[in-house]
Amino acid sequence: MKYSILLFPLFFFVIAVTGQNSGEADKNRLWQGIPGIEKTKQGRIFVSWFSGGPKEPSPDNTVYLCFSDDRGEIFSEPVAMAGHSNGARAFDPMLWIDPDGKLWYIFNRGDKDAACHAVYARTCKHPDQKKLKWSDEFRLEIPSPYVFRMNKPIVLSTGEWVMPVTHALEPVHDWFAGKKQLQGVAVSSDKGKTWKLHGEIEAPAWALECMITELKDSRLWMLIRTGSGFLWESFSSDKGKTWTEANATQIKNPGSRFFIRRLQSGNLLLVNHYHFTGRSHLTAQISTDDGKTWNDGLLLDERSGISYPDGIQDKNGLIRIVYDRDRQGAGEILMARFREEDALAGKDASGEVSLKQVISKTDK
């Protein structure tokens, strides 16, 4: 399938904020959610999310960032990293440190009236410096008239960067592409300078926010959020160029974002809603057989209205998961901390478990 790159209106590239600590966050935010997390080699922890306007989606949506230099005990006041402009909202930020140590702040920009939907980023070459120097935002040239992403890229054993994306084959005059949405990957072989789009994977309604894992047999395994009550899956045996027809897994999900990653041990970590009623019972589960089966895991938060986990494992093996709760009410951005042994045991086996830590909340 060939794609044509659309010439977007000039205003789509105009940004509301630029530079280091470019905009203080509105302390009277009406809602907030959808967090991301990353940690540098020297231990600085960054957390992102978005807010702005009365709700999501809204033309006023803005993406934010804060950080901690004391192992996550206290976080700085959030600053705006990219704002809205002429109806183009900024949303779904994600943090990722590439193999060279550069911090990527990746987010989406969307304008439903102009049918402009694309992926943008800002980068910081030295994220441990006291005074952070961020690039201006720039568009990732993923060749599609409608594309957005939610989750972190992965680096294959062969070196390619693979970013899971949701896309469509034609312009979309709405916030979401609905039934037109397809799942795929953007692949870069030159450290993010250029990207090639692969995959036209179909799945049930509300198929989006896919994630990629490289299996031990070198296949890529894509898990897909859907509205069917289960995660769906697809596989690639050629580094993401072609994909199998999607099918339902046995992994139940209430139609919400999940998180999966390979741990240092070689086991897989899945953070998902387990034995849930709606968006409740966020749980960290472990698979020792490359995703064929999962244990009962460690319950991170049993409350309702919790969702959208993102996570990291640091060089010492400590795992941190961020997620949100009650976006339109308390608007909490929370963090859980634990080790793999805790998720295997289903309890605080390490003595280092810390749950439900509030990083930020709305002030109403």
Protein backbone atom coordinates (compact mmCIF):
# COMPACT_ATOMS: atom_id res chain seq x y z
CA MET A 1 0.00 0.00 0.00
CA LYS A 2 1.40 3.40 -0.99
CA TYR A 3 0.63 6.56 0.92
CA SER A 4 0.69 10.21 -0.04
CA ILE A 5 2.06 12.72 2.44
CA LEU A 6 -0.45 15.49 2.90
CA LEU A 7 0.59 19.13 2.98
CA PHE A 8 -0.85 20.27 6.28
CA PRO A 9 -1.96 23.86 6.80
CA LEU A 10 0.76 26.09 8.21
CA PHE A 11 -1.05 26.72 11.48
CA PHE A 12 -0.80 23.05 12.34
CA PHE A 13 2.91 23.46 12.95
CA VAL A 14 2.65 26.55 15.16
CA ILE A 15 3.17 25.72 18.82
CA ALA A 16 2.06 27.54 21.90
CA VAL A 17 5.10 26.81 24.04
CA THR A 18 8.79 26.21 23.36
CA GLY A 19 12.04 25.89 25.25
CA GLN A 20 13.12 24.91 28.74
CA ASN A 21 10.32 25.08 31.32
CA SER A 22 8.34 26.92 28.68
CA GLY A 23 5.00 27.16 30.41
CA GLU A 24 3.82 26.67 33.95
CA ALA A 25 0.90 24.29 34.30
CA ASP A 26 -2.48 25.74 35.08
CA LYS A 27 -3.04 24.99 38.77
CA ASN A 28 -6.78 25.01 38.19
CA ARG A 29 -6.80 22.11 35.75
CA LEU A 30 -10.31 20.71 35.38
CA TRP A 31 -9.12 17.17 34.64
CA GLN A 32 -5.91 15.26 33.88
CA GLY A 33 -4.70 11.79 32.99
CA ILE A 34 -2.89 9.46 30.56
CA PRO A 35 0.61 9.41 32.16
CA GLY A 36 4.00 8.21 30.96
CA ILE A 37 7.28 7.58 32.81
CA GLU A 38 11.01 7.29 32.13
CA LYS A 39 14.20 7.23 34.24
CA THR A 40 17.69 8.40 33.29
CA LYS A 41 20.99 6.63 33.96
CA GLN A 42 21.71 8.96 36.88
CA GLY A 43 18.29 8.39 38.42
CA ARG A 44 16.13 11.36 37.42
CA ILE A 45 12.51 10.26 36.98
CA PHE A 46 10.32 12.04 34.43
CA VAL A 47 6.52 11.76 34.35
CA SER A 48 4.23 13.14 31.63
CA TRP A 49 0.46 13.47 31.18
CA PHE A 50 -2.05 15.76 29.51
CA SER A 51 -4.86 18.10 30.54
CA GLY A 52 -6.27 21.41 29.30
CA GLY A 53 -9.80 22.45 28.48
CA PRO A 54 -12.89 20.93 30.09
CA LYS A 55 -12.30 17.32 29.01
CA GLU A 56 -10.60 14.92 26.61
CA PRO A 57 -10.74 15.35 23.71
CA SER A 58 -10.80 19.13 23.52
CA PRO A 59 -9.11 21.67 21.23
CA ASP A 60 -7.48 23.06 24.39
CA ASN A 61 -5.64 19.86 25.36
CA THR A 62 -2.02 20.48 26.46
CA VAL A 63 0.78 18.08 27.41
CA TYR A 64 2.83 18.40 30.62
CA LEU A 65 6.02 17.16 32.27
CA CYS A 66 7.48 16.97 35.77
CA PHE A 67 10.51 15.22 37.27
CA SER A 68 12.04 13.97 40.52
CA ASP A 69 15.69 13.95 41.62
CA ASP A 70 15.11 12.06 44.89
CA ARG A 71 14.09 8.61 43.60
CA GLY A 72 10.49 9.63 43.12
CA GLU A 73 9.70 10.96 46.59
CA ILE A 74 8.96 14.54 45.49
CA PHE A 75 8.17 15.78 41.98
CA SER A 76 8.58 19.25 40.51
CA GLU A 77 5.65 21.40 39.48
CA PRO A 78 4.50 20.37 36.00
CA VAL A 79 5.32 22.52 32.98
CA ALA A 80 3.62 22.60 29.60
CA MET A 81 5.68 20.96 26.86
CA ALA A 82 3.33 21.60 23.95
CA GLY A 83 0.10 23.53 23.80
CA HIS A 84 -2.96 23.88 21.61
CA SER A 85 -2.99 26.16 18.58
CA ASN A 86 -5.89 27.10 16.30
CA GLY A 87 -7.86 23.99 17.14
CA ALA A 88 -4.92 21.57 17.01
CA ARG A 89 -4.76 19.84 20.37
CA ALA A 90 -1.68 18.22 21.95
CA PHE A 91 -2.35 14.90 23.70
CA ASP A 92 -1.15 11.41 24.68
CA PRO A 93 2.45 12.23 25.68
CA MET A 94 4.95 9.41 26.09
CA LEU A 95 8.52 9.36 27.44
CA TRP A 96 11.28 7.16 26.05
CA ILE A 97 15.08 7.10 26.38
CA ASP A 98 16.74 5.78 23.24
CA PRO A 99 19.90 3.61 23.19
CA ASP A 100 22.10 6.73 22.99
CA GLY A 101 20.59 8.17 26.19
CA LYS A 102 18.52 10.86 24.47
CA LEU A 103 15.13 11.52 26.10
CA TRP A 104 12.20 11.65 23.69
CA TYR A 105 8.98 13.42 24.61
CA ILE A 106 6.57 12.07 21.97
CA PHE A 107 2.97 13.24 21.68
CA ASN A 108 0.11 13.51 19.21
CA ARG A 109 -1.34 16.57 17.52
CA GLY A 110 -4.86 16.46 16.14
CA ASP A 111 -7.22 18.88 14.41
CA LYS A 112 -10.52 17.26 13.47
CA ASP A 113 -11.78 20.21 11.44
CA ALA A 114 -8.68 20.31 9.24
CA ALA A 115 -8.34 16.48 9.29
CA CYS A 116 -4.72 16.84 10.46
CA HIS A 117 -3.51 14.07 12.78
CA ALA A 118 0.21 13.36 13.27
CA VAL A 119 2.92 12.37 15.77
CA TYR A 120 5.30 15.00 17.15
CA ALA A 121 8.29 14.99 19.49
CA ARG A 122 10.75 17.08 21.44
CA THR A 123 14.13 15.69 22.49
CA CYS A 124 16.68 16.35 25.23
CA LYS A 125 20.23 15.06 24.61
CA HIS A 126 21.32 15.44 28.24
CA PRO A 127 18.31 14.72 30.49
CA ASP A 128 20.44 14.61 33.67
CA GLN A 129 21.66 18.20 33.37
CA LYS A 130 20.39 20.71 35.90
CA LYS A 131 19.15 23.04 33.16
CA LEU A 132 17.32 20.97 30.57
CA LYS A 133 17.65 21.97 26.92
CA TRP A 134 14.75 20.75 24.82
CA SER A 135 14.48 20.91 21.07
CA ASP A 136 11.52 22.63 19.49
CA GLU A 137 8.77 20.23 18.56
CA PHE A 138 9.06 18.46 15.22
CA ARG A 139 6.83 16.11 13.27
CA LEU A 140 7.76 12.44 12.88
CA GLU A 141 7.38 11.84 9.16
CA ILE A 142 5.18 8.76 9.33
CA PRO A 143 3.54 8.55 5.89
CA SER A 144 -0.16 8.44 6.67
CA PRO A 145 -3.02 10.98 6.50
CA TYR A 146 -4.10 9.94 10.01
CA VAL A 147 -1.74 8.49 12.61
CA PHE A 148 -1.29 8.60 16.37
CA ARG A 149 0.54 6.57 18.98
CA MET A 150 0.23 5.95 22.69
CA ASN A 151 2.99 3.60 23.85
CA LYS A 152 6.78 3.36 23.91
CA PRO A 153 8.84 2.14 20.95
CA ILE A 154 11.02 -0.93 21.34
CA VAL A 155 14.50 -1.57 19.97
CA LEU A 156 14.80 -4.90 18.18
CA SER A 157 17.72 -7.25 18.73
CA THR A 158 18.75 -6.23 15.18
CA GLY A 159 18.74 -2.51 16.04
CA GLU A 160 15.58 -1.17 14.39
CA TRP A 161 13.24 1.09 16.35
CA VAL A 162 9.64 -0.10 16.21
CA MET A 163 6.83 2.20 17.36
CA PRO A 164 3.26 0.84 17.64
CA VAL A 165 0.75 3.14 15.93
CA THR A 166 -2.92 3.44 15.09
CA HIS A 167 -3.57 4.84 11.63
CA ALA A 168 -6.07 5.21 8.79
CA LEU A 169 -5.80 5.16 5.00
CA GLU A 170 -7.71 8.39 4.41
CA PRO A 171 -8.15 11.79 6.11
CA VAL A 172 -10.39 11.80 9.19
CA HIS A 173 -12.58 14.77 10.14
CA ASP A 174 -13.02 13.62 13.75
CA TRP A 175 -10.91 13.11 16.86
CA PHE A 176 -10.83 9.34 16.23
CA ALA A 177 -11.03 7.28 13.04
CA GLY A 178 -13.61 4.87 14.50
CA LYS A 179 -14.16 1.82 12.31
CA LYS A 180 -11.50 3.09 9.89
CA GLN A 181 -8.74 2.68 12.49
CA LEU A 182 -6.01 0.15 11.71
CA GLN A 183 -3.10 -1.05 13.82
CA GLY A 184 0.48 -1.11 12.61
CA VAL A 185 4.03 -0.05 13.32
CA ALA A 186 6.36 2.76 12.30
CA VAL A 187 9.88 1.39 11.83
CA SER A 188 13.08 3.45 11.83
CA SER A 189 16.52 2.18 10.83
CA ASP A 190 18.26 5.55 11.30
CA LYS A 191 17.57 6.42 14.93
CA GLY A 192 14.27 8.16 14.33
CA LYS A 193 15.25 10.37 11.38
CA THR A 194 12.88 8.58 9.01
CA TRP A 195 10.02 6.14 9.52
CA LYS A 196 8.29 3.53 7.37
CA LEU A 197 4.70 2.51 8.09
CA HIS A 198 3.76 -1.17 8.00
CA GLY A 199 0.67 -3.14 8.92
CA GLU A 200 -3.05 -2.74 8.26
CA ILE A 201 -4.33 -4.88 11.12
CA GLU A 202 -8.07 -4.91 11.70
CA ALA A 203 -9.64 -5.58 15.11
CA PRO A 204 -13.05 -4.96 16.79
CA ALA A 205 -14.43 -1.54 17.70
CA TRP A 206 -12.14 0.71 19.74
CA ALA A 207 -9.05 -1.10 18.52
CA LEU A 208 -6.18 1.23 19.40
CA GLU A 209 -3.22 1.79 21.80
CA CYS A 210 -1.39 -1.33 20.64
CA MET A 211 1.95 -2.46 22.14
CA ILE A 212 4.81 -4.52 20.73
CA THR A 213 7.03 -7.16 22.34
CA GLU A 214 9.87 -9.07 20.68
CA LEU A 215 9.48 -12.76 21.54
CA LYS A 216 12.39 -15.12 22.17
CA ASP A 217 11.84 -16.73 18.76
CA SER A 218 12.39 -13.25 17.17
CA ARG A 219 8.73 -12.75 16.19
CA LEU A 220 7.02 -9.50 17.11
CA TRP A 221 3.89 -9.84 19.21
CA MET A 222 1.35 -7.05 19.05
CA LEU A 223 -1.34 -6.77 21.71
CA ILE A 224 -4.29 -4.49 20.93
CA ARG A 225 -6.82 -2.79 23.18
CA THR A 226 -10.37 -3.42 21.88
CA GLY A 227 -13.96 -2.95 23.01
CA SER A 228 -14.60 -6.69 22.86
CA GLY A 229 -13.70 -7.46 26.48
CA PHE A 230 -10.39 -9.07 25.46
CA LEU A 231 -7.02 -7.96 24.14
CA TRP A 232 -6.43 -9.00 20.54
CA GLU A 233 -3.10 -10.08 19.03
CA SER A 234 -1.14 -10.20 15.79
CA PHE A 235 2.34 -11.51 14.95
CA SER A 236 5.14 -10.52 12.58
CA SER A 237 8.04 -12.73 11.49
CA ASP A 238 9.82 -10.10 9.37
CA LYS A 239 10.60 -7.24 11.75
CA GLY A 240 7.14 -5.71 11.46
CA LYS A 241 6.80 -5.53 7.67
CA THR A 242 3.86 -7.97 7.49
CA TRP A 243 1.42 -9.10 10.16
CA THR A 244 -0.94 -12.00 10.71
CA GLU A 245 -4.69 -11.53 10.87
CA ALA A 246 -5.65 -10.35 14.36
CA ASN A 247 -7.44 -12.70 16.75
CA ALA A 248 -8.70 -12.49 20.33
CA THR A 249 -6.43 -13.59 23.16
CA GLN A 250 -7.66 -15.03 26.44
CA ILE A 251 -6.48 -11.87 28.25
CA LYS A 252 -9.53 -10.00 29.54
CA ASN A 253 -9.54 -6.21 29.46
CA PRO A 254 -12.28 -3.59 30.08
CA GLY A 255 -11.41 -1.59 26.96
CA SER A 256 -8.48 0.35 28.39
CA ARG A 257 -4.75 0.85 27.91
CA PHE A 258 -2.42 -1.85 29.27
CA PHE A 259 1.38 -2.12 29.57
CA ILE A 260 3.75 -4.94 28.62
CA ARG A 261 7.55 -5.19 28.61
CA ARG A 262 10.44 -7.63 28.75
CA LEU A 263 12.11 -7.62 32.17
CA GLN A 264 15.81 -8.01 32.89
CA SER A 265 15.19 -11.62 33.93
CA GLY A 266 13.79 -12.45 30.50
CA ASN A 267 10.25 -12.83 31.83
CA LEU A 268 7.38 -10.63 30.61
CA LEU A 269 5.52 -8.11 32.75
CA LEU A 270 1.88 -7.28 31.96
CA VAL A 271 0.08 -4.50 33.84
CA ASN A 272 -3.62 -4.86 33.14
CA HIS A 273 -7.01 -4.91 34.82
CA TYR A 274 -7.45 -8.39 36.38
CA HIS A 275 -10.65 -9.76 37.97
CA PHE A 276 -12.02 -6.30 37.26
CA THR A 277 -15.34 -4.50 37.34
CA GLY A 278 -14.86 -1.75 34.80
CA ARG A 279 -11.53 0.02 35.13
CA SER A 280 -10.57 -1.46 38.48
CA HIS A 281 -8.02 -3.90 39.96
CA LEU A 282 -4.88 -2.80 38.15
CA THR A 283 -2.50 -5.75 38.54
CA ALA A 284 1.13 -6.54 37.64
CA GLN A 285 1.37 -10.09 36.26
CA ILE A 286 4.39 -12.16 35.20
CA SER A 287 4.78 -14.68 32.38
CA THR A 288 7.70 -17.11 32.49
CA ASP A 289 6.75 -18.75 29.15
CA ASP A 290 6.82 -15.77 26.77
CA GLY A 291 3.20 -14.77 27.22
CA LYS A 292 1.50 -18.16 26.98
CA THR A 293 0.36 -18.02 30.62
CA TRP A 294 0.31 -15.38 33.38
CA ASN A 295 0.34 -15.62 37.16
CA ASP A 296 -2.20 -13.86 39.41
CA GLY A 297 0.32 -11.13 40.05
CA LEU A 298 0.56 -8.20 42.46
CA LEU A 299 -2.54 -6.03 42.91
CA LEU A 300 -1.46 -2.40 42.50
CA ASP A 301 -4.79 -0.62 42.97
CA GLU A 302 -8.24 -2.15 43.49
CA ARG A 303 -10.25 1.09 43.17
CA SER A 304 -12.53 2.02 40.30
CA GLY A 305 -11.66 4.71 37.79
CA ILE A 306 -8.00 3.70 37.50
CA SER A 307 -6.40 3.26 34.11
CA TYR A 308 -3.64 3.81 31.57
CA PRO A 309 -0.47 2.27 33.05
CA ASP A 310 3.01 2.97 31.72
CA GLY A 311 6.20 1.63 33.25
CA ILE A 312 9.96 1.22 33.48
CA GLN A 313 12.44 -1.10 35.14
CA ASP A 314 15.65 0.59 36.26
CA LYS A 315 19.17 -0.85 36.19
CA ASN A 316 18.73 -2.13 39.76
CA GLY A 317 15.61 -4.08 38.84
CA LEU A 318 13.10 -1.77 40.52
CA ILE A 319 9.86 -1.43 38.55
CA ARG A 320 7.79 1.77 38.53
CA ILE A 321 4.30 2.00 37.08
CA VAL A 322 2.38 5.25 36.65
CA TYR A 323 -1.37 5.42 36.02
CA ASP A 324 -4.32 7.76 36.52
CA ARG A 325 -7.44 7.78 38.70
CA ASP A 326 -10.74 9.66 38.44
CA ARG A 327 -9.66 11.99 35.62
CA GLN A 328 -12.64 14.34 35.90
CA GLY A 329 -12.67 14.32 39.70
CA ALA A 330 -9.55 13.87 41.82
CA GLY A 331 -7.46 13.81 38.64
CA GLU A 332 -4.70 11.83 40.30
CA ILE A 333 -1.47 10.77 38.61
CA LEU A 334 -0.17 7.89 40.72
CA MET A 335 2.90 5.66 40.94
CA ALA A 336 3.48 2.11 42.17
CA ARG A 337 6.93 0.72 42.96
CA PHE A 338 7.85 -2.97 43.29
CA ARG A 339 10.20 -5.71 42.12
CA GLU A 340 9.65 -8.74 39.92
CA GLU A 341 9.79 -11.01 42.96
CA ASP A 342 6.80 -9.13 44.42
CA ALA A 343 4.75 -9.66 41.26
CA LEU A 344 5.74 -13.35 41.28
CA ALA A 345 4.79 -13.77 44.94
CA GLY A 346 1.66 -11.60 44.79
CA LYS A 347 2.80 -9.73 47.91
CA ASP A 348 5.56 -7.51 49.27
CA ALA A 349 8.33 -10.12 49.19
CA SER A 350 11.15 -7.59 48.67
CA GLY A 351 10.13 -5.15 51.39
CA GLU A 352 10.25 -2.36 48.79
CA VAL A 353 6.65 -2.24 47.58
CA SER A 354 5.09 1.22 47.56
CA LEU A 355 1.58 1.67 46.17
CA LYS A 356 -0.83 4.52 45.34
CA GLN A 357 1.72 7.33 45.62
CA VAL A 358 0.18 10.56 44.32
CA ILE A 359 2.45 12.48 41.96
CA SER A 360 -0.09 15.14 40.97
CA LYS A 361 -3.81 15.82 41.32
CA THR A 362 -6.27 18.46 40.25
CA ASP A 363 -6.79 21.32 42.69
CA LYS A 364 -10.48 22.08 42.76
